[in-house]
Amino acid sequence: MMDISERLKELTVLYVEDEFITRESLGKFIKRRVKTIHIAENGITDLEMPLMNGFEMIEKIREHSSDVPIIVTTAYNDERHRPATVRAVVIKPIIQDDLIQAISTCF
């Protein structure tokens, strides 16, 4: 059986973060661990962003596929910010082991 690090190397990840420093540091962290990473900065996954917020993005993804695993990273730690249609929610500031654990649920 493959360990988590070997399985991560098979994944393609879309990472969307509106905060530059977080996007850069976690983007690099994730890039070292997965097969392919696509990084976007605006209008998509933080649950509270100006163009298309994370709730809208999740809805759009679900219109096309109910199978795509979605992990939300957010500073909001309440039920409103824990959408039922996502695989996991990781609370900011992000602990890298928690993020890897959440990603590993996507296998």
C-alpha atoms as a PDB file:
ATOM      1  CA  MET A   1       0.000   0.000   0.000  1.00  0.00           C
ATOM      2  CA  MET A   2       1.321   3.470  -0.897  1.00  0.00           C
ATOM      3  CA  ASP A   3       1.941   5.958   1.872  1.00  0.00           C
ATOM      4  CA  ILE A   4       0.382   9.423   1.879  1.00  0.00           C
ATOM      5  CA  SER A   5       3.370  11.164   0.285  1.00  0.00           C
ATOM      6  CA  GLU A   6       3.372   8.725  -2.665  1.00  0.00           C
ATOM      7  CA  ARG A   7      -0.379   9.124  -3.170  1.00  0.00           C
ATOM      8  CA  LEU A   8      -0.110  12.914  -3.042  1.00  0.00           C
ATOM      9  CA  LYS A   9       2.288  12.735  -6.010  1.00  0.00           C
ATOM     10  CA  GLU A  10      -0.634  11.448  -8.095  1.00  0.00           C
ATOM     11  CA  LEU A  11      -2.924  14.428  -7.414  1.00  0.00           C
ATOM     12  CA  THR A  12      -3.702  17.541  -9.392  1.00  0.00           C
ATOM     13  CA  VAL A  13      -4.731  20.397  -7.108  1.00  0.00           C
ATOM     14  CA  LEU A  14      -6.392  23.732  -7.755  1.00  0.00           C
ATOM     15  CA  TYR A  15      -5.338  26.072  -4.939  1.00  0.00           C
ATOM     16  CA  VAL A  16      -7.122  29.403  -4.734  1.00  0.00           C
ATOM     17  CA  GLU A  17      -6.201  32.000  -2.153  1.00  0.00           C
ATOM     18  CA  ASP A  18      -6.740  35.745  -2.206  1.00  0.00           C
ATOM     19  CA  GLU A  19      -4.043  36.581   0.361  1.00  0.00           C
ATOM     20  CA  PHE A  20      -0.682  36.884  -1.437  1.00  0.00           C
ATOM     21  CA  ILE A  21       1.606  35.684   1.369  1.00  0.00           C
ATOM     22  CA  THR A  22      -0.581  32.699   2.194  1.00  0.00           C
ATOM     23  CA  ARG A  23      -0.971  31.835  -1.504  1.00  0.00           C
ATOM     24  CA  GLU A  24       2.790  31.955  -2.081  1.00  0.00           C
ATOM     25  CA  SER A  25       3.840  29.985   0.998  1.00  0.00           C
ATOM     26  CA  LEU A  26       1.150  27.304   0.878  1.00  0.00           C
ATOM     27  CA  GLY A  27       1.377  27.132  -2.899  1.00  0.00           C
ATOM     28  CA  LYS A  28       5.056  26.210  -2.599  1.00  0.00           C
ATOM     29  CA  PHE A  29       4.298  23.755   0.202  1.00  0.00           C
ATOM     30  CA  ILE A  30       1.625  22.002  -1.854  1.00  0.00           C
ATOM     31  CA  LYS A  31       3.653  22.132  -5.094  1.00  0.00           C
ATOM     32  CA  ARG A  32       6.441  20.073  -3.495  1.00  0.00           C
ATOM     33  CA  ARG A  33       3.974  17.347  -2.612  1.00  0.00           C
ATOM     34  CA  VAL A  34       1.575  16.902  -5.540  1.00  0.00           C
ATOM     35  CA  LYS A  35       1.854  16.003  -9.219  1.00  0.00           C
ATOM     36  CA  THR A  36       0.371  19.254 -10.528  1.00  0.00           C
ATOM     37  CA  ILE A  37      -0.847  22.437  -8.889  1.00  0.00           C
ATOM     38  CA  HIS A  38      -2.846  25.242 -10.445  1.00  0.00           C
ATOM     39  CA  ILE A  39      -2.823  28.429  -8.394  1.00  0.00           C
ATOM     40  CA  ALA A  40      -5.406  31.200  -8.671  1.00  0.00           C
ATOM     41  CA  GLU A  41      -5.692  34.366  -6.665  1.00  0.00           C
ATOM     42  CA  ASN A  42      -9.112  35.861  -7.000  1.00  0.00           C
ATOM     43  CA  GLY A  43     -12.796  35.360  -6.947  1.00  0.00           C
ATOM     44  CA  ILE A  44     -12.983  31.751  -6.132  1.00  0.00           C
ATOM     45  CA  THR A  45     -12.315  29.890  -2.890  1.00  0.00           C
ATOM     46  CA  ASP A  46     -11.972  31.978   0.195  1.00  0.00           C
ATOM     47  CA  LEU A  47     -15.482  31.890   1.531  1.00  0.00           C
ATOM     48  CA  GLU A  48     -15.556  35.680   1.749  1.00  0.00           C
ATOM     49  CA  MET A  49     -13.987  37.226  -1.399  1.00  0.00           C
ATOM     50  CA  PRO A  50     -15.168  40.125  -3.546  1.00  0.00           C
ATOM     51  CA  LEU A  51     -15.678  38.670  -7.052  1.00  0.00           C
ATOM     52  CA  MET A  52     -16.983  35.138  -6.653  1.00  0.00           C
ATOM     53  CA  ASN A  53     -16.888  33.933  -3.097  1.00  0.00           C
ATOM     54  CA  GLY A  54     -16.202  30.375  -2.061  1.00  0.00           C
ATOM     55  CA  PHE A  55     -19.856  29.525  -1.581  1.00  0.00           C
ATOM     56  CA  GLU A  56     -20.578  30.543  -5.180  1.00  0.00           C
ATOM     57  CA  MET A  57     -17.542  28.640  -6.433  1.00  0.00           C
ATOM     58  CA  ILE A  58     -18.622  25.493  -4.620  1.00  0.00           C
ATOM     59  CA  GLU A  59     -22.085  25.831  -6.138  1.00  0.00           C
ATOM     60  CA  LYS A  60     -20.602  26.230  -9.656  1.00  0.00           C
ATOM     61  CA  ILE A  61     -18.354  23.193  -9.202  1.00  0.00           C
ATOM     62  CA  ARG A  62     -21.281  21.127  -7.929  1.00  0.00           C
ATOM     63  CA  GLU A  63     -23.338  22.109 -10.986  1.00  0.00           C
ATOM     64  CA  HIS A  64     -20.715  20.263 -13.055  1.00  0.00           C
ATOM     65  CA  SER A  65     -19.645  17.498 -10.698  1.00  0.00           C
ATOM     66  CA  SER A  66     -20.642  16.129  -7.339  1.00  0.00           C
ATOM     67  CA  ASP A  67     -17.452  14.040  -7.229  1.00  0.00           C
ATOM     68  CA  VAL A  68     -14.726  16.716  -7.142  1.00  0.00           C
ATOM     69  CA  PRO A  69     -13.302  16.824  -3.621  1.00  0.00           C
ATOM     70  CA  ILE A  70     -13.253  20.362  -2.247  1.00  0.00           C
ATOM     71  CA  ILE A  71     -11.257  21.497   0.766  1.00  0.00           C
ATOM     72  CA  VAL A  72     -11.963  24.935   2.191  1.00  0.00           C
ATOM     73  CA  THR A  73      -9.327  26.916   4.057  1.00  0.00           C
ATOM     74  CA  THR A  74     -10.856  29.718   6.097  1.00  0.00           C
ATOM     75  CA  ALA A  75     -10.311  31.869   9.156  1.00  0.00           C
ATOM     76  CA  TYR A  76     -14.008  31.533   9.990  1.00  0.00           C
ATOM     77  CA  ASN A  77     -14.631  28.821  12.562  1.00  0.00           C
ATOM     78  CA  ASP A  78     -18.407  28.565  12.659  1.00  0.00           C
ATOM     79  CA  GLU A  79     -21.094  26.363  11.148  1.00  0.00           C
ATOM     80  CA  ARG A  80     -22.023  28.895   8.445  1.00  0.00           C
ATOM     81  CA  HIS A  81     -18.512  28.535   7.019  1.00  0.00           C
ATOM     82  CA  ARG A  82     -18.584  24.726   6.953  1.00  0.00           C
ATOM     83  CA  PRO A  83     -20.456  23.914   3.739  1.00  0.00           C
ATOM     84  CA  ALA A  84     -21.974  20.437   3.767  1.00  0.00           C
ATOM     85  CA  THR A  85     -20.845  19.760   0.191  1.00  0.00           C
ATOM     86  CA  VAL A  86     -17.089  19.997   0.851  1.00  0.00           C
ATOM     87  CA  ARG A  87     -14.698  17.241   1.830  1.00  0.00           C
ATOM     88  CA  ALA A  88     -12.950  19.156   4.620  1.00  0.00           C
ATOM     89  CA  VAL A  89     -12.520  22.555   6.237  1.00  0.00           C
ATOM     90  CA  VAL A  90      -9.077  23.636   7.453  1.00  0.00           C
ATOM     91  CA  ILE A  91      -9.046  26.620   9.779  1.00  0.00           C
ATOM     92  CA  LYS A  92      -6.451  29.383   9.306  1.00  0.00           C
ATOM     93  CA  PRO A  93      -3.758  29.832  10.360  1.00  0.00           C
ATOM     94  CA  ILE A  94      -3.152  26.591   8.551  1.00  0.00           C
ATOM     95  CA  ILE A  95      -1.227  23.838  10.238  1.00  0.00           C
ATOM     96  CA  GLN A  96       0.523  22.009   7.410  1.00  0.00           C
ATOM     97  CA  ASP A  97      -0.138  18.549   8.854  1.00  0.00           C
ATOM     98  CA  ASP A  98      -3.864  19.367   9.032  1.00  0.00           C
ATOM     99  CA  LEU A  99      -3.806  20.428   5.385  1.00  0.00           C
ATOM    100  CA  ILE A 100      -2.026  17.231   4.317  1.00  0.00           C
ATOM    101  CA  GLN A 101      -4.521  15.190   6.317  1.00  0.00           C
ATOM    102  CA  ALA A 102      -7.399  16.986   4.593  1.00  0.00           C
ATOM    103  CA  ILE A 103      -5.838  16.452   1.148  1.00  0.00           C
ATOM    104  CA  SER A 104      -5.315  12.782   1.933  1.00  0.00           C
ATOM    105  CA  THR A 105      -9.105  12.397   2.277  1.00  0.00           C
ATOM    106  CA  CYS A 106      -9.289  13.048  -1.465  1.00  0.00           C
ATOM    107  CA  PHE A 107      -7.732   9.705  -2.419  1.00  0.00           C
END
